[in-house]
Structure formats: structure tokens, C-alpha cells
Amino acid sequence: MDNNTRAELGDILTDQSKLLELLASNINALESYPNLQAYLSSNNQNSISYRKALREKKFTKEDYRYAILELLDWFGYKACIDLDMDFIINQVAEKVGDDIDAIKSLTIKDVGADNISRLLHMMGEAIYAQVDDQPSFPWEATKGQTNHAFWRKCHLAYDAMMHEGYSSHYKINQWCQATLGVSCPQSFPKFARTYGDPRLIESWRTWSDWKE
């Protein structure tokens, strides 16, 4: 370390405010210092605005938790799309057969705690694998088999699904093939319920060059 570098390091170490500002830019790197990490996190401006919103009753902590769970639900769904889930599908089939509506009434015991635990482990590995290159939205993907022809017209599929009664994947897929000439990805109904009208998503408007 040369003298100039040593001087810069000394400047940072002797200026607590500057040091805290630098550390706050990467809080996750402070896992070995939980108290310092908690302090910096609690003084983050977004954290402060969150606590203020709770005090002013703009929403409740449960509202916030529910919004996070909705997001995690979508992440989990995306992680599962490419996983081999036959071990769970076969278990469920043994319980309900062709009564698809009965699936929602199954218990953890019915599906199997070991099966669920196995799937969650697989999902965890899949999520880590996606971190580096997983796009925020399907149309942003540059790899894989994304159906860009569909996503360019997905606003029309959204209207059909939400306003014309094509609520299941089977129904909306049939509609898309007949009306748009493209297949509907299995993930679209979940996407539509999670993110809403794609015309309200700036990324999609820019990508699709959609005009009112």
C-alpha cells in the first residue's frame, strides 16, 4: 500500500459519517457484524419511510407482509416451471384423480411433508441459479425459449382473461391460438394476476413499442 492509498484509507477510518455511508452501500456484506448491520438498516431512508407509513396508518404490517408474500409466490412459481415435479404430481393424482378442484382442499399430510420439503429445496437451488441472469419480466429474456410473439400481444390476452372470462390457462391458450395465432405460456395467468395490465408496466410499453 503506497502513501496515497494509506492516506485515503486513514481519511475514511477517521471520518465516521463517511465510513458509515460507505458501509451502508453494501449492508449484506456485514453479516459478521449483525449489530452494525441492524443499525445501518434501521437508518436507511426507505426503512425510515416504511416505519413512518406504519405510524401514519397508510398500511399495516400485515398488508406489507401480504404484498411480500404475493411477490414471493410469483418468484416461487417461476422457479418451479422448469422443475421435475412428477413426484408431487403423482402423489396428488393418487389422492384426487381427475377431480382437479379437489386439489385446493388437500392438506400437507396428503401431499407429503417430505415431498414438500424436497420441492422447497429444489426451488431454493433454482432461485440461486437464476440470480445472475434472470430477467425481471419474460419479454426481457435474451436466453431460453421465451415466446416473444405472445408477450408482444399479451395486453390483448390480459383483456380476454380479465374481461371476457378466459380465466384458466386452457381457455386463454385456446383463445390466443384462435385469435392471436400464438400459444399462451403457462405462466401468463399467474403473471396477469400478479402484475396486472402489462400496459401499465413501463418496461413492457418500451419493449413492445405499444401506443394507445
C-alpha atoms as a PDB file:
ATOM      1  CA  MET A   1       0.000   0.000   0.000  1.00  0.00           C
ATOM      2  CA  ASP A   2       1.546   3.300  -1.068  1.00  0.00           C
ATOM      3  CA  ASN A   3       1.356   6.544   0.901  1.00  0.00           C
ATOM      4  CA  ASN A   4      -1.552   7.990  -1.087  1.00  0.00           C
ATOM      5  CA  THR A   5      -3.622   4.842  -0.627  1.00  0.00           C
ATOM      6  CA  ARG A   6      -2.761   4.739   3.069  1.00  0.00           C
ATOM      7  CA  ALA A   7      -3.798   8.381   3.419  1.00  0.00           C
ATOM      8  CA  GLU A   8      -7.164   7.742   1.743  1.00  0.00           C
ATOM      9  CA  LEU A   9      -7.802   4.753   3.990  1.00  0.00           C
ATOM     10  CA  GLY A  10      -6.912   6.816   7.043  1.00  0.00           C
ATOM     11  CA  ASP A  11      -9.282   9.553   5.905  1.00  0.00           C
ATOM     12  CA  ILE A  12     -12.157   7.087   5.713  1.00  0.00           C
ATOM     13  CA  LEU A  13     -11.350   5.404   9.023  1.00  0.00           C
ATOM     14  CA  THR A  14     -11.225   8.706  10.902  1.00  0.00           C
ATOM     15  CA  ASP A  15     -14.469  10.056   9.411  1.00  0.00           C
ATOM     16  CA  GLN A  16     -17.255   8.005  10.991  1.00  0.00           C
ATOM     17  CA  SER A  17     -20.024   9.521   8.881  1.00  0.00           C
ATOM     18  CA  LYS A  18     -18.190   8.775   5.658  1.00  0.00           C
ATOM     19  CA  LEU A  19     -17.350   5.259   6.832  1.00  0.00           C
ATOM     20  CA  LEU A  20     -20.972   4.528   7.758  1.00  0.00           C
ATOM     21  CA  GLU A  21     -22.123   5.871   4.405  1.00  0.00           C
ATOM     22  CA  LEU A  22     -19.766   3.516   2.580  1.00  0.00           C
ATOM     23  CA  LEU A  23     -20.763   0.538   4.710  1.00  0.00           C
ATOM     24  CA  ALA A  24     -24.451   1.290   4.171  1.00  0.00           C
ATOM     25  CA  SER A  25     -23.985   0.911   0.419  1.00  0.00           C
ATOM     26  CA  ASN A  26     -23.467  -2.835   0.894  1.00  0.00           C
ATOM     27  CA  ILE A  27     -25.226  -3.869   4.099  1.00  0.00           C
ATOM     28  CA  ASN A  28     -25.351  -7.534   3.093  1.00  0.00           C
ATOM     29  CA  ALA A  29     -21.561  -7.717   3.365  1.00  0.00           C
ATOM     30  CA  LEU A  30     -21.822  -7.083   7.111  1.00  0.00           C
ATOM     31  CA  GLU A  31     -23.292 -10.451   8.093  1.00  0.00           C
ATOM     32  CA  SER A  32     -20.439 -10.975  10.549  1.00  0.00           C
ATOM     33  CA  TYR A  33     -21.382  -7.708  12.270  1.00  0.00           C
ATOM     34  CA  PRO A  34     -25.122  -8.113  12.982  1.00  0.00           C
ATOM     35  CA  ASN A  35     -25.428  -5.139  15.342  1.00  0.00           C
ATOM     36  CA  LEU A  36     -23.799  -2.761  12.883  1.00  0.00           C
ATOM     37  CA  GLN A  37     -25.849  -4.250  10.068  1.00  0.00           C
ATOM     38  CA  ALA A  38     -29.079  -3.741  12.035  1.00  0.00           C
ATOM     39  CA  TYR A  39     -28.114  -0.149  12.868  1.00  0.00           C
ATOM     40  CA  LEU A  40     -27.391   0.771   9.266  1.00  0.00           C
ATOM     41  CA  SER A  41     -30.535  -0.974   8.051  1.00  0.00           C
ATOM     42  CA  SER A  42     -32.750   0.838  10.553  1.00  0.00           C
ATOM     43  CA  ASN A  43     -31.313   4.197   9.475  1.00  0.00           C
ATOM     44  CA  ASN A  44     -31.814   3.572   5.779  1.00  0.00           C
ATOM     45  CA  GLN A  45     -34.139   6.254   4.369  1.00  0.00           C
ATOM     46  CA  ASN A  46     -36.511   3.694   2.896  1.00  0.00           C
ATOM     47  CA  SER A  47     -36.676   1.898   6.243  1.00  0.00           C
ATOM     48  CA  ILE A  48     -37.461   5.189   7.923  1.00  0.00           C
ATOM     49  CA  SER A  49     -40.241   5.971   5.430  1.00  0.00           C
ATOM     50  CA  TYR A  50     -41.661   2.466   5.966  1.00  0.00           C
ATOM     51  CA  ARG A  51     -41.868   2.965   9.732  1.00  0.00           C
ATOM     52  CA  LYS A  52     -43.393   6.407   9.222  1.00  0.00           C
ATOM     53  CA  ALA A  53     -46.076   4.934   6.955  1.00  0.00           C
ATOM     54  CA  LEU A  54     -46.917   2.384   9.648  1.00  0.00           C
ATOM     55  CA  ARG A  55     -47.238   5.124  12.255  1.00  0.00           C
ATOM     56  CA  GLU A  56     -49.458   7.162   9.944  1.00  0.00           C
ATOM     57  CA  LYS A  57     -51.513   4.025   9.235  1.00  0.00           C
ATOM     58  CA  LYS A  58     -51.089   4.216   5.463  1.00  0.00           C
ATOM     59  CA  PHE A  59     -50.986   0.434   5.632  1.00  0.00           C
ATOM     60  CA  THR A  60     -50.464  -2.233   8.269  1.00  0.00           C
ATOM     61  CA  LYS A  61     -47.553  -4.581   8.749  1.00  0.00           C
ATOM     62  CA  GLU A  62     -49.862  -7.391   7.641  1.00  0.00           C
ATOM     63  CA  ASP A  63     -50.597  -5.501   4.398  1.00  0.00           C
ATOM     64  CA  TYR A  64     -46.855  -5.235   3.826  1.00  0.00           C
ATOM     65  CA  ARG A  65     -46.328  -8.897   4.651  1.00  0.00           C
ATOM     66  CA  TYR A  66     -49.105  -9.894   2.242  1.00  0.00           C
ATOM     67  CA  ALA A  67     -47.555  -7.841  -0.578  1.00  0.00           C
ATOM     68  CA  ILE A  68     -44.202  -9.531   0.030  1.00  0.00           C
ATOM     69  CA  LEU A  69     -45.817 -12.971   0.082  1.00  0.00           C
ATOM     70  CA  GLU A  70     -47.516 -12.220  -3.244  1.00  0.00           C
ATOM     71  CA  LEU A  71     -44.120 -11.363  -4.715  1.00  0.00           C
ATOM     72  CA  LEU A  72     -42.528 -14.497  -3.245  1.00  0.00           C
ATOM     73  CA  ASP A  73     -45.426 -16.545  -4.592  1.00  0.00           C
ATOM     74  CA  TRP A  74     -44.584 -15.301  -8.092  1.00  0.00           C
ATOM     75  CA  PHE A  75     -40.870 -15.996  -7.588  1.00  0.00           C
ATOM     76  CA  GLY A  76     -41.721 -19.494  -6.403  1.00  0.00           C
ATOM     77  CA  TYR A  77     -43.970 -20.133  -9.369  1.00  0.00           C
ATOM     78  CA  LYS A  78     -41.279 -19.053 -11.823  1.00  0.00           C
ATOM     79  CA  ALA A  79     -38.721 -21.235 -10.047  1.00  0.00           C
ATOM     80  CA  CYS A  80     -40.996 -24.285 -10.331  1.00  0.00           C
ATOM     81  CA  ILE A  81     -41.818 -24.008 -14.028  1.00  0.00           C
ATOM     82  CA  ASP A  82     -38.752 -25.933 -15.198  1.00  0.00           C
ATOM     83  CA  LEU A  83     -38.509 -28.320 -12.238  1.00  0.00           C
ATOM     84  CA  ASP A  84     -39.389 -32.005 -12.440  1.00  0.00           C
ATOM     85  CA  MET A  85     -42.399 -32.096 -10.112  1.00  0.00           C
ATOM     86  CA  ASP A  86     -43.675 -35.529 -11.110  1.00  0.00           C
ATOM     87  CA  PHE A  87     -43.099 -36.871  -7.608  1.00  0.00           C
ATOM     88  CA  ILE A  88     -45.661 -34.384  -6.267  1.00  0.00           C
ATOM     89  CA  ILE A  89     -47.984 -34.575  -9.264  1.00  0.00           C
ATOM     90  CA  ASN A  90     -48.156 -38.356  -8.928  1.00  0.00           C
ATOM     91  CA  GLN A  91     -48.806 -38.097  -5.192  1.00  0.00           C
ATOM     92  CA  VAL A  92     -51.653 -35.645  -5.759  1.00  0.00           C
ATOM     93  CA  ALA A  93     -53.071 -37.769  -8.575  1.00  0.00           C
ATOM     94  CA  GLU A  94     -53.264 -40.710  -6.175  1.00  0.00           C
ATOM     95  CA  LYS A  95     -55.397 -38.578  -3.857  1.00  0.00           C
ATOM     96  CA  VAL A  96     -57.791 -36.765  -6.197  1.00  0.00           C
ATOM     97  CA  GLY A  97     -57.610 -38.465  -9.591  1.00  0.00           C
ATOM     98  CA  ASP A  98     -59.414 -36.359 -12.198  1.00  0.00           C
ATOM     99  CA  ASP A  99     -61.057 -34.034  -9.657  1.00  0.00           C
ATOM    100  CA  ILE A 100     -58.793 -31.025 -10.201  1.00  0.00           C
ATOM    101  CA  ASP A 101     -60.944 -28.812  -7.969  1.00  0.00           C
ATOM    102  CA  ALA A 102     -60.203 -31.116  -5.030  1.00  0.00           C
ATOM    103  CA  ILE A 103     -56.504 -30.231  -5.136  1.00  0.00           C
ATOM    104  CA  LYS A 104     -57.026 -26.984  -3.246  1.00  0.00           C
ATOM    105  CA  SER A 105     -58.520 -28.872  -0.296  1.00  0.00           C
ATOM    106  CA  LEU A 106     -55.534 -31.196   0.187  1.00  0.00           C
ATOM    107  CA  THR A 107     -53.519 -30.999   3.391  1.00  0.00           C
ATOM    108  CA  ILE A 108     -49.775 -31.064   3.954  1.00  0.00           C
ATOM    109  CA  LYS A 109     -50.166 -34.680   5.048  1.00  0.00           C
ATOM    110  CA  ASP A 110     -51.982 -35.514   1.795  1.00  0.00           C
ATOM    111  CA  VAL A 111     -49.214 -34.069  -0.371  1.00  0.00           C
ATOM    112  CA  GLY A 112     -46.495 -35.349   1.948  1.00  0.00           C
ATOM    113  CA  ALA A 113     -44.233 -33.256   4.158  1.00  0.00           C
ATOM    114  CA  ASP A 114     -41.165 -34.941   2.665  1.00  0.00           C
ATOM    115  CA  ASN A 115     -42.365 -34.142  -0.850  1.00  0.00           C
ATOM    116  CA  ILE A 116     -42.966 -30.504   0.021  1.00  0.00           C
ATOM    117  CA  SER A 117     -39.593 -30.227   1.742  1.00  0.00           C
ATOM    118  CA  ARG A 118     -37.900 -31.766  -1.299  1.00  0.00           C
ATOM    119  CA  LEU A 119     -39.621 -29.312  -3.636  1.00  0.00           C
ATOM    120  CA  LEU A 120     -38.690 -26.318  -1.466  1.00  0.00           C
ATOM    121  CA  HIS A 121     -35.056 -27.423  -1.545  1.00  0.00           C
ATOM    122  CA  MET A 122     -35.207 -27.727  -5.335  1.00  0.00           C
ATOM    123  CA  MET A 123     -36.798 -24.279  -5.548  1.00  0.00           C
ATOM    124  CA  GLY A 124     -34.030 -22.799  -3.415  1.00  0.00           C
ATOM    125  CA  GLU A 125     -31.369 -24.148  -5.746  1.00  0.00           C
ATOM    126  CA  ALA A 126     -33.311 -22.943  -8.793  1.00  0.00           C
ATOM    127  CA  ILE A 127     -33.643 -19.433  -7.365  1.00  0.00           C
ATOM    128  CA  TYR A 128     -29.912 -19.184  -6.679  1.00  0.00           C
ATOM    129  CA  ALA A 129     -29.255 -20.322 -10.241  1.00  0.00           C
ATOM    130  CA  GLN A 130     -31.468 -17.516 -11.562  1.00  0.00           C
ATOM    131  CA  VAL A 131     -29.987 -14.653  -9.562  1.00  0.00           C
ATOM    132  CA  ASP A 132     -27.293 -13.639 -12.022  1.00  0.00           C
ATOM    133  CA  ASP A 133     -29.229 -13.645 -15.263  1.00  0.00           C
ATOM    134  CA  GLN A 134     -32.949 -13.935 -14.507  1.00  0.00           C
ATOM    135  CA  PRO A 135     -34.766 -11.011 -16.155  1.00  0.00           C
ATOM    136  CA  SER A 136     -37.395  -9.091 -14.260  1.00  0.00           C
ATOM    137  CA  PHE A 137     -40.022  -9.830 -16.906  1.00  0.00           C
ATOM    138  CA  PRO A 138     -40.358 -12.595 -19.509  1.00  0.00           C
ATOM    139  CA  TRP A 139     -40.041 -10.278 -22.517  1.00  0.00           C
ATOM    140  CA  GLU A 140     -36.637  -9.107 -21.264  1.00  0.00           C
ATOM    141  CA  ALA A 141     -35.160 -12.601 -21.575  1.00  0.00           C
ATOM    142  CA  THR A 142     -32.319 -12.986 -24.056  1.00  0.00           C
ATOM    143  CA  LYS A 143     -31.811 -16.701 -23.420  1.00  0.00           C
ATOM    144  CA  GLY A 144     -34.105 -19.696 -23.322  1.00  0.00           C
ATOM    145  CA  GLN A 145     -37.368 -20.201 -25.156  1.00  0.00           C
ATOM    146  CA  THR A 146     -39.351 -17.102 -24.281  1.00  0.00           C
ATOM    147  CA  ASN A 147     -42.376 -16.697 -26.551  1.00  0.00           C
ATOM    148  CA  HIS A 148     -41.738 -13.112 -27.603  1.00  0.00           C
ATOM    149  CA  ALA A 149     -44.534 -13.244 -30.184  1.00  0.00           C
ATOM    150  CA  PHE A 150     -47.014 -13.825 -27.380  1.00  0.00           C
ATOM    151  CA  TRP A 151     -45.595 -11.240 -24.997  1.00  0.00           C
ATOM    152  CA  ARG A 152     -45.817  -8.581 -27.691  1.00  0.00           C
ATOM    153  CA  LYS A 153     -49.590  -9.198 -27.731  1.00  0.00           C
ATOM    154  CA  CYS A 154     -50.033 -10.084 -24.071  1.00  0.00           C
ATOM    155  CA  HIS A 155     -52.157  -6.983 -23.390  1.00  0.00           C
ATOM    156  CA  LEU A 156     -54.851  -8.472 -25.613  1.00  0.00           C
ATOM    157  CA  ALA A 157     -54.629 -11.775 -23.759  1.00  0.00           C
ATOM    158  CA  TYR A 158     -54.902  -9.846 -20.500  1.00  0.00           C
ATOM    159  CA  ASP A 159     -58.149  -8.239 -21.665  1.00  0.00           C
ATOM    160  CA  ALA A 160     -59.563 -11.594 -22.748  1.00  0.00           C
ATOM    161  CA  MET A 161     -58.601 -13.205 -19.470  1.00  0.00           C
ATOM    162  CA  MET A 162     -59.802 -10.461 -17.150  1.00  0.00           C
ATOM    163  CA  HIS A 163     -62.795  -9.084 -19.025  1.00  0.00           C
ATOM    164  CA  GLU A 164     -64.066 -11.860 -21.273  1.00  0.00           C
ATOM    165  CA  GLY A 165     -63.974 -14.840 -18.929  1.00  0.00           C
ATOM    166  CA  TYR A 166     -60.987 -16.789 -20.282  1.00  0.00           C
ATOM    167  CA  SER A 167     -59.707 -17.267 -16.750  1.00  0.00           C
ATOM    168  CA  SER A 168     -57.890 -20.620 -16.917  1.00  0.00           C
ATOM    169  CA  HIS A 169     -54.718 -21.339 -18.851  1.00  0.00           C
ATOM    170  CA  TYR A 170     -56.574 -23.841 -21.011  1.00  0.00           C
ATOM    171  CA  LYS A 171     -59.211 -21.292 -22.000  1.00  0.00           C
ATOM    172  CA  ILE A 172     -56.840 -18.386 -22.590  1.00  0.00           C
ATOM    173  CA  ASN A 173     -54.471 -20.606 -24.554  1.00  0.00           C
ATOM    174  CA  GLN A 174     -57.322 -21.692 -26.835  1.00  0.00           C
ATOM    175  CA  TRP A 175     -58.312 -18.044 -27.282  1.00  0.00           C
ATOM    176  CA  CYS A 176     -54.744 -16.951 -28.042  1.00  0.00           C
ATOM    177  CA  GLN A 177     -54.245 -19.666 -30.639  1.00  0.00           C
ATOM    178  CA  ALA A 178     -57.536 -18.857 -32.358  1.00  0.00           C
ATOM    179  CA  THR A 179     -57.367 -15.064 -32.103  1.00  0.00           C
ATOM    180  CA  LEU A 180     -53.698 -14.097 -31.927  1.00  0.00           C
ATOM    181  CA  GLY A 181     -52.120 -17.051 -33.695  1.00  0.00           C
ATOM    182  CA  VAL A 182     -49.764 -17.736 -30.786  1.00  0.00           C
ATOM    183  CA  SER A 183     -49.731 -20.047 -27.785  1.00  0.00           C
ATOM    184  CA  CYS A 184     -50.113 -18.674 -24.282  1.00  0.00           C
ATOM    185  CA  PRO A 185     -47.311 -19.556 -21.809  1.00  0.00           C
ATOM    186  CA  GLN A 186     -48.458 -21.450 -18.733  1.00  0.00           C
ATOM    187  CA  SER A 187     -47.025 -18.675 -16.583  1.00  0.00           C
ATOM    188  CA  PHE A 188     -49.251 -15.961 -18.055  1.00  0.00           C
ATOM    189  CA  PRO A 189     -52.382 -16.330 -15.859  1.00  0.00           C
ATOM    190  CA  LYS A 190     -50.195 -16.119 -12.771  1.00  0.00           C
ATOM    191  CA  PHE A 191     -48.293 -13.193 -14.271  1.00  0.00           C
ATOM    192  CA  ALA A 192     -51.520 -11.334 -15.074  1.00  0.00           C
ATOM    193  CA  ARG A 193     -52.907 -11.756 -11.567  1.00  0.00           C
ATOM    194  CA  THR A 194     -49.619 -10.679 -10.006  1.00  0.00           C
ATOM    195  CA  TYR A 195     -48.619  -7.715 -12.171  1.00  0.00           C
ATOM    196  CA  GLY A 196     -51.908  -6.683 -13.745  1.00  0.00           C
ATOM    197  CA  ASP A 197     -52.311  -4.927 -17.079  1.00  0.00           C
ATOM    198  CA  PRO A 198     -48.991  -5.006 -18.999  1.00  0.00           C
ATOM    199  CA  ARG A 199     -49.868  -1.608 -20.466  1.00  0.00           C
ATOM    200  CA  LEU A 200     -49.195  -0.204 -17.001  1.00  0.00           C
ATOM    201  CA  ILE A 201     -45.670  -1.677 -16.929  1.00  0.00           C
ATOM    202  CA  GLU A 202     -43.149   0.775 -18.355  1.00  0.00           C
ATOM    203  CA  SER A 203     -40.714  -1.975 -19.316  1.00  0.00           C
ATOM    204  CA  TRP A 204     -43.356  -3.663 -21.478  1.00  0.00           C
ATOM    205  CA  ARG A 205     -44.513  -0.424 -23.107  1.00  0.00           C
ATOM    206  CA  THR A 206     -40.935   0.400 -24.074  1.00  0.00           C
ATOM    207  CA  TRP A 207     -40.120  -3.108 -25.270  1.00  0.00           C
ATOM    208  CA  SER A 208     -43.319  -3.615 -27.279  1.00  0.00           C
ATOM    209  CA  ASP A 209     -43.452  -0.051 -28.606  1.00  0.00           C
ATOM    210  CA  TRP A 210     -47.128  -0.065 -27.657  1.00  0.00           C
ATOM    211  CA  LYS A 211     -49.159   3.033 -28.414  1.00  0.00           C
ATOM    212  CA  GLU A 212     -52.629   3.883 -27.140  1.00  0.00           C
END
